[in-house]
Amino acid sequence: MAEAVLIDFFGLQFNSQKNSHQALLKTLDAVRFHHAAKAKFLCIMCYNNISCERDGAPNNCELEGSNGLSTLLREFETVSNPSMAASLYTIKQKIDEKNLSSIKVIVSMHRKTLLKAFIDQLFTSVYNFEFEDLQVTSRGGLLKQSTEVSMITAQEVEAIQNEIQTYLRSLPALKGELTIITSPLISDIFLHGFTTRTGGISYIPTLSSFNLFSSSKRRDPKVVVQENLRRLGNAAGFNVEKFYRIKTDHANDVWIMGRKEPESYDGITTNQRGVTIAALGADCLPIVFADPVKKACGVAHSGWKGTLLGVAMATVNAMVTEYGCSLEDIIVVLGPSVGPCCFTLPRESAKEFHNLDPECVRLFDSPDPYVDIRKATRILLERGGILPQNIQDLNQDLNLCTSCHPDKFFSHVRDGLNFGTQIGFISIRE
């Protein structure tokens, strides 16, 4: 049974004729009868130029002289906007506020394919949609047409995408201004930084507001993440059309840009100008590498598994082998991650960090010792030949444990499965 029911009246033309009222009343009454007992959200979507106001708030489509219809409409929430993008995004927010996933959409045949195209852009696989034909005839003057449209053109798809992008660009930033943390160790020939959680448009609490990763398991769609990224590109000065994220596997594979891209990798290196590369992080450690002499750079994603597998030095070694970098020239900045104050592992896993250096583990004799992946990463980098003075640990310098600072950072440890993601990024200026 659907948790939410959406009735699409966007394609209807209303008038004050009695038969029009009766047809609409019959439709809404059937929806209420079948879904009101189980559904937690009943919603009508229509044009705002046919809406009226009740108690100062947007109301239903105006139909005078029908007390029964007016009474019935009070059981439905009405979303009335000038565009489909605005209406559906507003409805998505209301659905997410209630943490609903199963949605029935009642829509006329001629609009079903179009509505699906909007939904595909604005929702992820977290949501389960079921479609039902809107049973209202054109006799009452309600439908523009009733012929089913099974396909939309490439131009229509592009128009849908443009409408959504235009609407998202109009939304204000949430939770403060966009903030980028930079390191004084990295030369001005590079653009670089680490993002925080402020300044984006993602509104779901654990993803709010500057989430920079979308997946089928989260409620933030790609179009929202792309808008956040566009704002980051404008603020930092890089081209979002030449932006590449790590495809995380929690291992130590490195993609040397210019070679065939692997299916997954936790490090990237490049010497191409104007290309921005990024490492994801939400407790895992995003690392940025820069060699101002050879003008090469890299990023790595280092969780506890990747740390033990040596992904940081694997990225360094790729820079040395591919671009002729010298170890003494490479600058390494460790971005925000979970600290040893909040991160624990089962004792068997923690043992490997203890073997690396006992200082990487606290309360080692407990079932779940506290582990310092940052200290372990620094130790491995220094043992690999990176100069200690060329390594900056932002957590140590700025006290930036992701789990400890919900106002600044996303955290898987703190927020659970529907967590947001920040990034570390770098590019060589053109």
Protein backbone atom coordinates (compact mmCIF):
# COMPACT_ATOMS: atom_id res chain seq x y z
CA MET A 1 0.00 0.00 0.00
CA ALA A 2 1.32 3.44 -0.95
CA GLU A 3 2.62 5.69 1.81
CA ALA A 4 2.01 8.79 -0.31
CA VAL A 5 -0.49 9.49 -3.09
CA LEU A 6 0.03 12.26 -5.63
CA ILE A 7 -2.78 13.31 -7.97
CA ASP A 8 -1.58 15.25 -10.99
CA PHE A 9 -4.07 17.92 -12.05
CA PHE A 10 -1.38 19.87 -13.91
CA GLY A 11 -2.90 18.94 -17.25
CA LEU A 12 -6.51 19.67 -16.36
CA GLN A 13 -8.69 22.61 -17.29
CA PHE A 14 -11.25 23.47 -14.63
CA ASN A 15 -14.53 25.29 -14.92
CA SER A 16 -17.50 25.91 -12.67
CA GLN A 17 -19.88 23.52 -14.42
CA LYS A 18 -21.70 21.08 -12.18
CA ASN A 19 -20.56 18.02 -14.11
CA SER A 20 -16.97 19.19 -13.75
CA HIS A 21 -17.41 19.36 -9.97
CA GLN A 22 -19.02 15.96 -9.83
CA ALA A 23 -16.25 14.31 -11.89
CA LEU A 24 -13.56 15.80 -9.70
CA LEU A 25 -15.44 14.95 -6.52
CA LYS A 26 -15.78 11.34 -7.66
CA THR A 27 -12.06 11.11 -8.43
CA LEU A 28 -10.94 12.53 -5.09
CA ASP A 29 -13.48 10.53 -3.13
CA ALA A 30 -12.20 7.30 -4.73
CA VAL A 31 -8.62 8.19 -3.82
CA ARG A 32 -9.60 8.96 -0.25
CA PHE A 33 -11.59 5.73 0.04
CA HIS A 34 -8.76 3.52 -1.22
CA HIS A 35 -5.75 5.26 0.34
CA ALA A 36 -6.64 7.55 3.25
CA ALA A 37 -6.46 4.79 5.87
CA LYS A 38 -2.88 3.79 5.01
CA ALA A 39 -1.32 6.72 3.18
CA LYS A 40 0.40 9.34 5.34
CA PHE A 41 0.36 11.99 2.63
CA LEU A 42 -2.34 12.82 0.08
CA CYS A 43 -1.39 15.53 -2.36
CA ILE A 44 -2.84 17.38 -5.35
CA MET A 45 -0.52 19.08 -7.84
CA CYS A 46 -1.91 21.84 -10.09
CA TYR A 47 -1.10 25.16 -11.77
CA ASN A 48 -0.77 28.13 -9.46
CA ASN A 49 -2.78 30.32 -11.83
CA ILE A 50 -5.91 28.33 -10.92
CA SER A 51 -5.31 28.21 -7.19
CA CYS A 52 -6.88 30.27 -4.47
CA GLU A 53 -5.92 30.87 -0.89
CA ARG A 54 -7.44 29.69 2.35
CA ASP A 55 -6.17 30.95 5.67
CA GLY A 56 -3.34 32.74 3.89
CA ALA A 57 -1.85 29.57 2.38
CA PRO A 58 -1.97 28.15 -1.16
CA ASN A 59 -5.09 26.05 -1.47
CA ASN A 60 -6.82 23.87 -4.01
CA CYS A 61 -7.94 24.60 -7.56
CA GLU A 62 -10.80 27.08 -7.32
CA LEU A 63 -14.24 25.54 -7.92
CA GLU A 64 -17.09 27.64 -6.62
CA GLY A 65 -20.45 26.36 -5.50
CA SER A 66 -19.44 22.85 -4.41
CA ASN A 67 -19.48 22.47 -0.64
CA GLY A 68 -18.91 18.73 -0.85
CA LEU A 69 -15.82 19.20 -2.99
CA SER A 70 -14.53 21.99 -0.75
CA THR A 71 -14.87 19.74 2.31
CA LEU A 72 -13.15 16.84 0.59
CA LEU A 73 -10.25 18.97 -0.60
CA ARG A 74 -9.35 19.76 3.01
CA GLU A 75 -8.10 16.19 3.34
CA PHE A 76 -5.55 16.76 0.57
CA GLU A 77 -2.50 18.97 0.60
CA THR A 78 -2.23 21.09 -2.53
CA VAL A 79 1.03 22.07 -4.19
CA SER A 80 0.53 24.84 -6.72
CA ASN A 81 3.50 26.21 -8.65
CA PRO A 82 4.13 27.68 -12.11
CA SER A 83 6.42 24.82 -13.15
CA MET A 84 6.55 21.05 -12.86
CA ALA A 85 10.09 21.22 -11.49
CA ALA A 86 9.07 23.51 -8.64
CA SER A 87 5.95 21.48 -7.86
CA LEU A 88 7.64 18.07 -7.82
CA TYR A 89 10.62 19.32 -5.82
CA THR A 90 8.25 20.81 -3.24
CA ILE A 91 6.36 17.51 -3.06
CA LYS A 92 9.66 15.62 -2.69
CA GLN A 93 10.53 17.79 0.30
CA LYS A 94 7.20 17.01 1.93
CA ILE A 95 7.66 13.28 1.27
CA ASP A 96 11.17 13.37 2.70
CA GLU A 97 10.02 15.24 5.80
CA LYS A 98 7.79 12.24 6.54
CA ASN A 99 10.50 9.75 5.46
CA LEU A 100 8.19 8.09 2.94
CA SER A 101 9.36 5.95 0.03
CA SER A 102 6.35 4.22 -1.54
CA ILE A 103 4.47 6.65 -3.78
CA LYS A 104 1.43 6.21 -6.00
CA VAL A 105 1.02 8.75 -8.78
CA ILE A 106 -2.44 9.19 -10.31
CA VAL A 107 -1.98 10.92 -13.63
CA SER A 108 -3.78 11.29 -16.95
CA MET A 109 -2.50 9.05 -19.73
CA HIS A 110 -1.21 11.89 -21.88
CA ARG A 111 1.04 13.17 -19.05
CA LYS A 112 2.34 9.93 -17.60
CA THR A 113 5.52 9.69 -19.68
CA LEU A 114 6.33 13.35 -19.12
CA LEU A 115 5.82 13.06 -15.37
CA LYS A 116 8.02 9.96 -15.26
CA ALA A 117 10.80 11.90 -16.98
CA PHE A 118 10.67 14.58 -14.26
CA ILE A 119 10.59 11.95 -11.52
CA ASP A 120 13.61 10.15 -12.98
CA GLN A 121 15.59 13.39 -12.61
CA LEU A 122 14.39 14.42 -9.15
CA PHE A 123 14.17 11.10 -7.28
CA THR A 124 16.56 8.18 -6.70
CA SER A 125 16.05 4.42 -6.38
CA VAL A 126 15.22 4.88 -2.71
CA TYR A 127 11.70 5.71 -3.85
CA ASN A 128 9.24 3.20 -5.28
CA PHE A 129 6.73 4.71 -7.73
CA GLU A 130 3.48 3.15 -8.93
CA PHE A 131 1.38 4.85 -11.61
CA GLU A 132 -2.38 4.77 -12.04
CA ASP A 133 -4.46 6.36 -14.80
CA LEU A 134 -6.48 9.37 -13.74
CA GLN A 135 -10.09 8.38 -14.45
CA VAL A 136 -11.61 11.71 -15.39
CA THR A 137 -13.21 12.16 -18.81
CA SER A 138 -13.02 15.19 -21.05
CA ARG A 139 -16.81 15.56 -20.97
CA GLY A 140 -16.67 17.71 -17.89
CA GLY A 141 -14.10 19.99 -19.44
CA LEU A 142 -11.35 18.67 -17.20
CA LEU A 143 -8.83 17.16 -19.60
CA LYS A 144 -6.94 18.85 -22.37
CA GLN A 145 -6.59 15.48 -24.07
CA SER A 146 -6.75 11.79 -23.15
CA THR A 147 -4.44 10.17 -25.70
CA GLU A 148 -1.54 8.28 -24.17
CA VAL A 149 1.93 9.60 -25.07
CA SER A 150 4.44 6.76 -24.84
CA MET A 151 7.62 8.64 -25.75
CA ILE A 152 9.17 12.04 -25.33
CA THR A 153 11.73 13.51 -27.69
CA ALA A 154 15.36 14.32 -26.95
CA GLN A 155 14.44 18.00 -27.15
CA GLU A 156 11.74 17.48 -24.52
CA VAL A 157 14.20 15.68 -22.25
CA GLU A 158 16.62 18.57 -22.63
CA ALA A 159 13.84 21.04 -21.86
CA ILE A 160 12.97 19.08 -18.69
CA GLN A 161 16.60 19.10 -17.58
CA ASN A 162 16.88 22.83 -18.26
CA GLU A 163 13.70 23.55 -16.31
CA ILE A 164 14.98 21.58 -13.32
CA GLN A 165 18.44 23.18 -13.46
CA THR A 166 16.94 26.67 -13.70
CA TYR A 167 14.74 26.02 -10.68
CA LEU A 168 17.54 24.53 -8.56
CA ARG A 169 19.81 27.46 -9.39
CA SER A 170 17.16 29.79 -7.98
CA LEU A 171 17.18 28.11 -4.55
CA PRO A 172 19.01 29.84 -1.68
CA ALA A 173 21.99 28.26 0.04
CA LEU A 174 21.19 26.46 3.30
CA LYS A 175 23.07 26.39 6.62
CA GLY A 176 25.31 29.35 5.86
CA GLU A 177 27.83 30.30 3.22
CA LEU A 178 29.89 27.95 1.10
CA THR A 179 33.22 27.38 2.85
CA ILE A 180 36.43 26.00 1.35
CA ILE A 181 39.37 25.04 3.58
CA THR A 182 42.78 25.45 1.94
CA SER A 183 46.38 24.73 2.89
CA PRO A 184 49.22 27.28 2.82
CA LEU A 185 51.61 24.47 1.86
CA ILE A 186 50.14 24.12 -1.62
CA SER A 187 51.50 26.47 -4.29
CA ASP A 188 49.30 28.99 -6.11
CA ILE A 189 49.87 27.14 -9.38
CA PHE A 190 47.16 24.80 -8.06
CA LEU A 191 43.50 25.31 -7.23
CA HIS A 192 42.62 23.16 -4.23
CA GLY A 193 40.47 22.87 -1.15
CA PHE A 194 38.33 20.80 1.17
CA THR A 195 34.60 21.42 1.40
CA THR A 196 32.40 21.63 4.48
CA ARG A 197 28.66 20.94 4.72
CA THR A 198 27.43 24.54 4.38
CA GLY A 199 26.33 26.56 1.36
CA GLY A 200 24.45 23.98 -0.73
CA ILE A 201 20.80 23.19 -1.48
CA SER A 202 20.52 19.63 -0.10
CA TYR A 203 17.78 19.80 2.54
CA ILE A 204 17.53 16.30 4.08
CA PRO A 205 19.05 16.65 7.58
CA THR A 206 21.90 14.15 7.22
CA LEU A 207 22.68 15.45 3.71
CA SER A 208 22.19 19.14 4.36
CA SER A 209 23.38 21.20 2.77
CA PHE A 210 26.48 20.83 0.59
CA ASN A 211 26.35 17.13 -0.17
CA LEU A 212 28.59 16.24 -3.13
CA PHE A 213 27.74 12.62 -3.83
CA SER A 214 24.60 10.88 -5.04
CA SER A 215 23.85 7.18 -5.02
CA SER A 216 20.87 4.90 -5.45
CA LYS A 217 20.81 4.38 -1.67
CA ARG A 218 20.45 8.05 -0.76
CA ARG A 219 17.65 10.59 -1.23
CA ASP A 220 19.73 13.31 -2.88
CA PRO A 221 19.38 13.04 -6.69
CA LYS A 222 22.25 13.72 -9.09
CA VAL A 223 20.73 17.02 -10.22
CA VAL A 224 20.95 18.43 -6.69
CA VAL A 225 24.53 17.22 -6.22
CA GLN A 226 25.40 18.70 -9.62
CA GLU A 227 23.97 22.07 -8.57
CA ASN A 228 26.05 21.96 -5.39
CA LEU A 229 29.10 21.14 -7.52
CA ARG A 230 28.31 24.00 -9.91
CA ARG A 231 28.30 26.41 -6.97
CA LEU A 232 31.61 24.98 -5.77
CA GLY A 233 33.14 25.38 -9.22
CA ASN A 234 32.03 29.02 -9.34
CA ALA A 235 33.43 29.71 -5.87
CA ALA A 236 36.73 27.87 -6.35
CA GLY A 237 37.25 28.78 -9.99
CA PHE A 238 37.32 25.37 -11.70
CA ASN A 239 35.41 23.98 -14.68
CA VAL A 240 32.79 21.46 -13.55
CA GLU A 241 32.80 19.93 -17.05
CA LYS A 242 36.34 18.71 -16.33
CA PHE A 243 35.71 17.31 -12.85
CA TYR A 244 36.44 13.71 -11.82
CA ARG A 245 35.60 11.97 -8.55
CA ILE A 246 37.28 8.85 -7.24
CA LYS A 247 35.24 5.66 -7.73
CA THR A 248 35.74 4.26 -4.27
CA ASP A 249 36.53 0.62 -3.60
CA HIS A 250 38.32 1.03 -0.22
CA ALA A 251 41.45 -0.41 -1.78
CA ASN A 252 44.69 1.04 -3.21
CA ASP A 253 44.23 1.18 -6.99
CA VAL A 254 45.24 4.48 -8.61
CA TRP A 255 43.97 5.86 -11.91
CA ILE A 256 46.68 7.70 -13.82
CA MET A 257 44.63 10.11 -15.87
CA GLY A 258 45.20 9.63 -19.56
CA ARG A 259 45.29 5.87 -19.24
CA LYS A 260 42.22 3.62 -19.36
CA GLU A 261 39.95 4.36 -16.42
CA PRO A 262 39.49 1.37 -14.08
CA GLU A 263 36.05 0.35 -12.86
CA SER A 264 37.03 1.45 -9.34
CA TYR A 265 39.98 3.23 -7.78
CA ASP A 266 40.83 5.14 -4.61
CA GLY A 267 43.47 7.42 -6.04
CA ILE A 268 43.86 9.67 -9.09
CA THR A 269 46.93 11.45 -10.45
CA THR A 270 47.22 13.95 -13.31
CA ASN A 271 49.49 16.55 -14.88
CA GLN A 272 46.76 17.90 -17.16
CA ARG A 273 45.96 21.58 -16.69
CA GLY A 274 42.40 22.63 -15.97
CA VAL A 275 41.27 19.16 -14.89
CA THR A 276 39.93 18.95 -11.32
CA ILE A 277 40.21 15.68 -9.41
CA ALA A 278 38.49 14.95 -6.13
CA ALA A 279 38.49 12.48 -3.25
CA LEU A 280 35.29 11.81 -1.32
CA GLY A 281 35.15 11.84 2.46
CA ALA A 282 32.61 11.37 5.23
CA ASP A 283 34.89 10.07 8.01
CA CYS A 284 37.27 8.46 5.50
CA LEU A 285 40.30 10.62 4.83
CA PRO A 286 40.43 12.74 1.64
CA ILE A 287 44.08 13.39 0.77
CA VAL A 288 45.45 15.96 -1.69
CA PHE A 289 48.94 15.69 -3.24
CA ALA A 290 50.81 18.45 -5.11
CA ASP A 291 54.24 18.67 -6.74
CA PRO A 292 54.95 22.28 -7.75
CA VAL A 293 58.22 21.30 -9.45
CA LYS A 294 56.87 18.75 -11.92
CA LYS A 295 53.42 20.40 -11.89
CA ALA A 296 51.55 17.22 -11.06
CA CYS A 297 48.89 16.46 -8.49
CA GLY A 298 46.81 13.67 -7.03
CA VAL A 299 44.03 12.77 -4.63
CA ALA A 300 43.30 9.68 -2.54
CA HIS A 301 40.41 8.33 -0.51
CA SER A 302 41.75 6.58 2.57
CA GLY A 303 39.40 4.75 4.90
CA TRP A 304 40.79 2.30 7.42
CA LYS A 305 41.09 -0.46 4.83
CA GLY A 306 42.72 1.82 2.27
CA THR A 307 45.07 3.15 4.92
CA LEU A 308 46.33 -0.33 5.75
CA LEU A 309 46.61 -1.15 2.03
CA GLY A 310 48.79 1.93 1.55
CA VAL A 311 46.63 3.96 -0.83
CA ALA A 312 48.43 7.20 0.12
CA MET A 313 51.87 5.90 -0.88
CA ALA A 314 50.38 4.16 -3.91
CA THR A 315 49.30 7.62 -5.11
CA VAL A 316 52.73 9.06 -4.34
CA ASN A 317 54.45 6.23 -6.19
CA ALA A 318 52.22 6.78 -9.21
CA MET A 319 53.30 10.44 -9.32
CA VAL A 320 56.96 9.45 -9.04
CA THR A 321 56.75 6.76 -11.72
CA GLU A 322 54.51 8.59 -14.19
CA TYR A 323 55.65 12.21 -13.92
CA GLY A 324 59.19 11.91 -12.54
CA CYS A 325 58.26 13.57 -9.24
CA SER A 326 60.81 13.57 -6.41
CA LEU A 327 59.64 12.49 -2.98
CA GLU A 328 61.09 15.62 -1.35
CA ASP A 329 58.98 17.88 -3.61
CA ILE A 330 55.58 16.31 -2.98
CA ILE A 331 53.23 18.15 -0.62
CA VAL A 332 50.53 16.10 1.11
CA VAL A 333 47.50 17.56 2.90
CA LEU A 334 45.26 15.32 4.99
CA GLY A 335 41.72 16.65 4.86
CA PRO A 336 38.93 16.44 7.45
CA SER A 337 38.10 12.93 8.66
CA VAL A 338 36.96 11.08 11.76
CA GLY A 339 39.46 11.31 14.59
CA PRO A 340 40.64 8.75 17.15
CA CYS A 341 38.17 10.34 19.57
CA CYS A 342 35.24 8.79 17.65
CA PHE A 343 36.44 5.94 15.44
CA THR A 344 36.56 2.37 16.71
CA LEU A 345 37.26 -0.99 15.08
CA PRO A 346 36.93 -4.59 16.28
CA ARG A 347 40.09 -5.64 18.06
CA GLU A 348 41.21 -7.98 15.26
CA SER A 349 41.16 -5.11 12.75
CA ALA A 350 42.67 -2.66 15.22
CA LYS A 351 45.56 -5.08 15.74
CA GLU A 352 46.94 -4.23 12.29
CA PHE A 353 47.13 -0.56 13.24
CA HIS A 354 48.75 -1.50 16.55
CA ASN A 355 51.34 -3.52 14.65
CA LEU A 356 52.05 -0.49 12.48
CA ASP A 357 52.59 1.68 15.55
CA PRO A 358 51.08 1.28 19.04
CA GLU A 359 50.34 5.03 19.10
CA CYS A 360 47.74 4.49 16.36
CA VAL A 361 45.46 2.67 18.84
CA ARG A 362 43.92 3.63 22.18
CA LEU A 363 42.39 1.15 24.64
CA PHE A 364 43.86 -1.73 22.63
CA ASP A 365 42.72 -4.34 25.15
CA SER A 366 39.05 -3.37 24.77
CA PRO A 367 36.72 -5.22 22.33
CA ASP A 368 36.54 -2.11 20.12
CA PRO A 369 39.70 -0.01 20.40
CA TYR A 370 39.91 3.57 19.16
CA VAL A 371 41.95 3.88 15.96
CA ASP A 372 43.81 6.87 14.50
CA ILE A 373 43.80 6.47 10.71
CA ARG A 374 45.38 9.91 10.35
CA LYS A 375 48.44 9.05 12.42
CA ALA A 376 48.76 5.76 10.54
CA THR A 377 48.62 7.60 7.20
CA ARG A 378 51.31 10.08 8.29
CA ILE A 379 53.55 7.25 9.51
CA LEU A 380 53.24 5.40 6.21
CA LEU A 381 53.92 8.57 4.20
CA GLU A 382 57.02 9.41 6.22
CA ARG A 383 58.30 5.84 5.99
CA GLY A 384 57.73 6.07 2.24
CA GLY A 385 59.98 9.12 1.97
CA ILE A 386 57.65 12.13 2.20
CA LEU A 387 59.28 14.85 4.30
CA PRO A 388 57.49 15.44 7.63
CA GLN A 389 57.39 19.20 7.00
CA ASN A 390 55.62 18.55 3.69
CA ILE A 391 52.66 16.85 5.37
CA GLN A 392 49.85 18.96 6.81
CA ASP A 393 47.17 17.37 8.96
CA LEU A 394 44.14 19.66 8.93
CA ASN A 395 42.46 17.75 11.76
CA GLN A 396 45.44 18.25 14.01
CA ASP A 397 45.91 21.89 13.02
CA LEU A 398 42.25 22.94 13.03
CA ASN A 399 40.57 20.29 15.23
CA LEU A 400 38.31 19.07 12.44
CA CYS A 401 37.07 15.60 13.43
CA THR A 402 34.08 15.03 11.15
CA SER A 403 32.07 13.13 13.75
CA CYS A 404 32.63 15.78 16.44
CA HIS A 405 31.48 18.70 14.28
CA PRO A 406 27.93 18.16 12.93
CA ASP A 407 27.72 21.87 12.11
CA LYS A 408 30.71 21.65 9.76
CA PHE A 409 30.97 18.12 8.35
CA PHE A 410 29.11 15.03 7.25
CA SER A 411 29.86 11.79 9.09
CA HIS A 412 28.92 8.19 8.40
CA VAL A 413 29.86 7.24 11.97
CA ARG A 414 27.50 9.87 13.36
CA ASP A 415 24.68 10.00 10.81
CA GLY A 416 24.21 6.41 9.63
CA LEU A 417 23.59 5.11 6.11
CA ASN A 418 21.95 8.21 4.60
CA PHE A 419 25.04 10.34 5.18
CA GLY A 420 26.33 13.26 3.12
CA THR A 421 29.75 13.61 1.56
CA GLN A 422 32.39 16.33 1.43
CA ILE A 423 35.43 16.30 -0.86
CA GLY A 424 39.05 17.29 -1.20
CA PHE A 425 39.91 18.60 -4.67
CA ILE A 426 42.86 19.91 -6.67
CA SER A 427 43.66 21.06 -10.20
CA ILE A 428 46.55 22.68 -12.03
CA ARG A 429 45.64 26.18 -13.12
CA GLU A 430 45.34 26.68 -16.87
